[in-house]
Amino acid sequence: MAEAGLEVQKREIVGKKANKQLKKEGKIPGIYYIHGEESIPVAVDVKQLKTLIQSEASIIDLKLDGDKKLTKSIIREVQWDPLYGHPLHVDFMGIKLTEKVHVDVPVHIVGTAVGVKQEGGIMQHIIREISIEALPLDIPEHIDVDITDLDIGDSIRIDDLSIKKVKILSDPTQSIVVIRPPTIVEEPEVEEEGLEEAEEAAEPDVVGEKKEEPDERSE
């Protein structure tokens, strides 16, 4: 479990016009909420948010307006621009350390499969996040999946995992990674008859035999 800090500002004005102004300032709108309390509209610096997401921190210490500390939180949802891949909106959910929460944890592939290294197989990474339930302090930063012993045709499914103090919520029958056989590209066969015709067409045509010049010497 890893923690990180993030500063947010309270949004006094909401709506499309206010959101456009935030965009000019390099920020996006967000919301902070916790069960039993009134939600707080916030503004978040885009660069800081991206850095936080890349850090894979599970628990976030939100500081409101540079002073007030909010309850420890998790990122519940991020809305992304489908065209440019930029974050558009973020939801922060306040948590209590004694209550279990549902979160998505990234999957890290570890090692190189023997089927890839020795037989030219292709690794297909299918599941990149796994939904879990755990106490906040038991949430792993990521889930390591070791593929070193996998041969061609082998796979690792979600139900192959065992994580202490964590309940896995994702479909247990889903494959996380599969080692596929190498792709073989077959060259098209050329029929002998067609090959002969091609060779004949490539040969130069014979115009005719060379004629002998008449002997111009007088008798």
Protein backbone atom coordinates (compact mmCIF):
# COMPACT_ATOMS: atom_id res chain seq x y z
CA MET A 1 0.00 0.00 0.00
CA ALA A 2 1.34 3.40 -0.98
CA GLU A 3 0.11 6.86 -0.06
CA ALA A 4 0.46 10.18 -1.84
CA GLY A 5 -0.63 13.76 -1.27
CA LEU A 6 -2.61 16.02 -3.58
CA GLU A 7 -3.73 19.62 -3.25
CA VAL A 8 -7.21 20.57 -4.49
CA GLN A 9 -9.20 23.78 -4.47
CA LYS A 10 -12.86 24.15 -3.63
CA ARG A 11 -15.01 25.15 -6.62
CA GLU A 12 -17.37 27.95 -5.75
CA ILE A 13 -18.87 28.07 -9.26
CA VAL A 14 -19.88 25.02 -11.28
CA GLY A 15 -21.05 24.57 -14.85
CA LYS A 16 -19.68 24.53 -18.41
CA LYS A 17 -18.44 28.12 -18.33
CA ALA A 18 -16.55 27.53 -15.10
CA ASN A 19 -15.10 24.28 -16.47
CA LYS A 20 -13.76 26.09 -19.55
CA GLN A 21 -12.00 28.56 -17.29
CA LEU A 22 -10.47 25.68 -15.30
CA LYS A 23 -9.19 24.16 -18.53
CA LYS A 24 -7.40 27.42 -19.39
CA GLU A 25 -5.74 27.26 -15.97
CA GLY A 26 -4.56 23.66 -16.53
CA LYS A 27 -7.12 22.19 -14.14
CA ILE A 28 -10.15 19.91 -14.30
CA PRO A 29 -13.28 19.66 -12.13
CA GLY A 30 -13.71 16.94 -9.54
CA ILE A 31 -15.82 15.93 -6.58
CA TYR A 32 -14.95 14.71 -3.11
CA TYR A 33 -17.52 12.72 -1.17
CA ILE A 34 -17.74 10.48 1.87
CA HIS A 35 -20.69 8.54 3.25
CA GLY A 36 -22.88 10.64 5.52
CA GLU A 37 -21.37 14.00 4.61
CA GLU A 38 -22.04 16.65 1.98
CA SER A 39 -19.94 16.34 -1.16
CA ILE A 40 -17.41 19.06 -2.05
CA PRO A 41 -16.82 20.24 -5.65
CA VAL A 42 -13.06 20.60 -6.21
CA ALA A 43 -10.60 21.67 -8.89
CA VAL A 44 -7.47 19.59 -9.58
CA ASP A 45 -4.24 20.43 -11.41
CA VAL A 46 -4.07 18.11 -14.45
CA LYS A 47 -0.30 17.52 -14.27
CA GLN A 48 -0.42 16.67 -10.56
CA LEU A 49 -3.32 14.29 -11.14
CA LYS A 50 -1.50 12.47 -13.96
CA THR A 51 1.59 12.11 -11.76
CA LEU A 52 -0.57 10.72 -8.97
CA ILE A 53 -2.21 8.17 -11.28
CA GLN A 54 1.17 7.03 -12.65
CA SER A 55 2.48 6.57 -9.10
CA GLU A 56 -0.16 3.85 -8.50
CA ALA A 57 -0.72 5.19 -4.98
CA SER A 58 -3.69 3.48 -3.34
CA ILE A 59 -4.43 6.06 -0.61
CA ILE A 60 -4.52 9.80 -1.21
CA ASP A 61 -4.16 12.56 1.38
CA LEU A 62 -6.22 15.42 -0.02
CA LYS A 63 -5.39 18.94 1.17
CA LEU A 64 -8.14 21.43 0.49
CA ASP A 65 -7.07 24.97 -0.43
CA GLY A 66 -3.55 24.28 0.85
CA ASP A 67 -4.66 24.00 4.47
CA LYS A 68 -7.58 21.79 5.45
CA LYS A 69 -6.93 18.06 5.31
CA LEU A 70 -9.77 15.87 4.13
CA THR A 71 -10.31 12.25 5.10
CA LYS A 72 -7.95 9.82 3.39
CA SER A 73 -9.34 9.08 -0.05
CA ILE A 74 -9.13 6.89 -3.12
CA ILE A 75 -9.73 7.78 -6.75
CA ARG A 76 -13.13 6.29 -7.46
CA GLU A 77 -13.42 7.23 -11.12
CA VAL A 78 -11.65 9.27 -13.78
CA GLN A 79 -13.47 10.37 -16.94
CA TRP A 80 -11.13 10.53 -19.96
CA ASP A 81 -11.34 12.35 -23.26
CA PRO A 82 -11.85 9.50 -25.77
CA LEU A 83 -10.01 11.37 -28.53
CA TYR A 84 -6.99 12.90 -26.79
CA GLY A 85 -6.75 10.73 -23.66
CA HIS A 86 -6.78 13.67 -21.23
CA PRO A 87 -8.62 13.49 -17.88
CA LEU A 88 -11.88 15.45 -17.86
CA HIS A 89 -13.27 14.82 -14.37
CA VAL A 90 -12.25 12.92 -11.23
CA ASP A 91 -14.18 11.49 -8.28
CA PHE A 92 -12.46 11.19 -4.89
CA MET A 93 -14.11 8.99 -2.29
CA GLY A 94 -13.29 9.53 1.37
CA ILE A 95 -12.58 6.33 3.29
CA LYS A 96 -12.27 5.09 6.85
CA LEU A 97 -9.32 2.85 7.66
CA THR A 98 -11.60 0.39 9.48
CA GLU A 99 -14.00 -0.08 6.54
CA LYS A 100 -13.31 -2.22 3.48
CA VAL A 101 -13.46 -0.59 0.07
CA HIS A 102 -13.74 -1.74 -3.55
CA VAL A 103 -10.89 -0.61 -5.81
CA ASP A 104 -9.23 -1.56 -9.09
CA VAL A 105 -5.57 -2.53 -8.79
CA PRO A 106 -3.17 -2.59 -11.79
CA VAL A 107 -1.61 -5.87 -12.92
CA HIS A 108 2.16 -6.07 -13.53
CA ILE A 109 3.60 -8.88 -15.67
CA VAL A 110 6.86 -10.25 -14.23
CA GLY A 111 9.48 -12.27 -16.13
CA THR A 112 9.67 -13.64 -19.67
CA ALA A 113 7.70 -16.77 -20.52
CA VAL A 114 9.75 -19.80 -21.61
CA GLY A 115 7.36 -20.20 -24.53
CA VAL A 116 8.25 -16.72 -25.73
CA LYS A 117 11.99 -16.89 -25.03
CA GLN A 118 12.68 -20.35 -26.44
CA GLU A 119 9.85 -21.04 -28.88
CA GLY A 120 8.98 -17.65 -30.28
CA GLY A 121 5.52 -17.50 -28.75
CA ILE A 122 3.55 -14.29 -28.33
CA MET A 123 2.46 -13.00 -24.91
CA GLN A 124 -1.07 -11.59 -24.84
CA HIS A 125 -1.75 -9.40 -21.78
CA ILE A 126 -5.55 -9.39 -21.47
CA ILE A 127 -6.46 -8.10 -17.99
CA ARG A 128 -4.65 -4.95 -16.83
CA GLU A 129 -6.67 -4.20 -13.69
CA ILE A 130 -8.35 -6.43 -11.11
CA SER A 131 -11.20 -5.37 -8.84
CA ILE A 132 -10.65 -6.18 -5.16
CA GLU A 133 -12.14 -5.60 -1.73
CA ALA A 134 -9.84 -4.85 1.20
CA LEU A 135 -9.17 -2.57 4.12
CA PRO A 136 -7.46 0.62 2.91
CA LEU A 137 -4.11 -0.24 4.51
CA ASP A 138 -4.16 -3.71 2.88
CA ILE A 139 -4.64 -2.47 -0.68
CA PRO A 140 -1.61 -3.48 -2.79
CA GLU A 141 0.03 -0.93 -5.09
CA HIS A 142 -0.17 -3.50 -7.89
CA ILE A 143 -0.56 -7.24 -8.41
CA ASP A 144 2.49 -9.09 -9.78
CA VAL A 145 1.85 -12.00 -12.15
CA ASP A 146 4.93 -14.17 -12.82
CA ILE A 147 4.82 -15.73 -16.31
CA THR A 148 8.34 -17.22 -16.34
CA ASP A 149 7.21 -20.88 -16.46
CA LEU A 150 4.48 -20.44 -19.07
CA ASP A 151 4.86 -22.41 -22.30
CA ILE A 152 2.95 -21.97 -25.55
CA GLY A 153 -0.75 -22.50 -24.89
CA ASP A 154 -0.43 -21.83 -21.15
CA SER A 155 -2.33 -19.06 -19.36
CA ILE A 156 -2.89 -17.54 -15.93
CA ARG A 157 -6.45 -16.84 -14.83
CA ILE A 158 -7.75 -14.64 -12.06
CA ASP A 159 -8.63 -17.69 -9.94
CA ASP A 160 -4.94 -18.69 -10.03
CA LEU A 161 -4.10 -15.69 -7.85
CA SER A 162 -3.88 -15.70 -4.09
CA ILE A 163 -3.47 -12.36 -2.30
CA LYS A 164 -3.36 -12.09 1.48
CA LYS A 165 -6.05 -9.97 3.16
CA VAL A 166 -7.65 -9.26 -0.21
CA LYS A 167 -10.89 -10.51 -1.72
CA ILE A 168 -10.87 -10.60 -5.52
CA LEU A 169 -14.11 -9.40 -7.09
CA SER A 170 -13.32 -9.79 -10.81
CA ASP A 171 -14.59 -12.79 -12.77
CA PRO A 172 -12.35 -15.69 -11.66
CA THR A 173 -12.57 -17.41 -15.07
CA GLN A 174 -11.00 -14.50 -16.93
CA SER A 175 -7.49 -15.02 -18.31
CA ILE A 176 -4.94 -12.41 -17.29
CA VAL A 177 -2.24 -13.46 -19.73
CA VAL A 178 -1.99 -16.11 -22.47
CA ILE A 179 1.01 -17.36 -24.45
CA ARG A 180 -0.01 -17.73 -28.08
CA PRO A 181 1.84 -19.78 -30.72
CA PRO A 182 4.05 -17.81 -33.12
CA THR A 183 2.46 -16.46 -36.27
CA ILE A 184 3.64 -18.35 -39.34
CA VAL A 185 3.44 -16.58 -42.67
CA GLU A 186 3.30 -19.07 -45.56
CA GLU A 187 4.64 -18.00 -48.93
CA PRO A 188 2.20 -18.57 -51.81
CA GLU A 189 3.01 -21.60 -53.96
CA VAL A 190 3.58 -21.06 -57.68
CA GLU A 191 2.22 -23.83 -59.91
CA GLU A 192 4.76 -25.40 -62.24
CA GLU A 193 2.64 -24.70 -65.30
CA GLY A 194 2.37 -21.04 -64.42
CA LEU A 195 6.10 -20.90 -63.68
CA GLU A 196 6.96 -22.32 -67.11
CA GLU A 197 4.70 -19.81 -68.82
CA ALA A 198 6.35 -17.00 -66.90
CA GLU A 199 9.83 -18.21 -67.90
CA GLU A 200 8.83 -18.49 -71.55
CA ALA A 201 7.40 -15.00 -71.49
CA ALA A 202 10.66 -13.70 -70.07
CA GLU A 203 12.79 -15.19 -72.95
CA PRO A 204 13.55 -12.79 -75.88
CA ASP A 205 11.79 -13.55 -79.15
CA VAL A 206 14.00 -14.71 -82.07
CA VAL A 207 13.31 -12.41 -85.03
CA GLY A 208 14.98 -14.55 -87.62
CA GLU A 209 18.20 -16.10 -88.84
CA LYS A 210 20.96 -13.88 -90.08
CA LYS A 211 21.13 -13.85 -93.90
CA GLU A 212 24.43 -14.23 -95.69
CA GLU A 213 25.64 -11.20 -97.63
CA PRO A 214 26.05 -11.85 -101.43
CA ASP A 215 29.60 -11.98 -102.70
CA GLU A 216 30.12 -8.69 -104.55
CA ARG A 217 33.48 -9.76 -106.12
CA SER A 218 33.36 -9.86 -109.83
CA GLU A 219 34.12 -13.05 -111.49
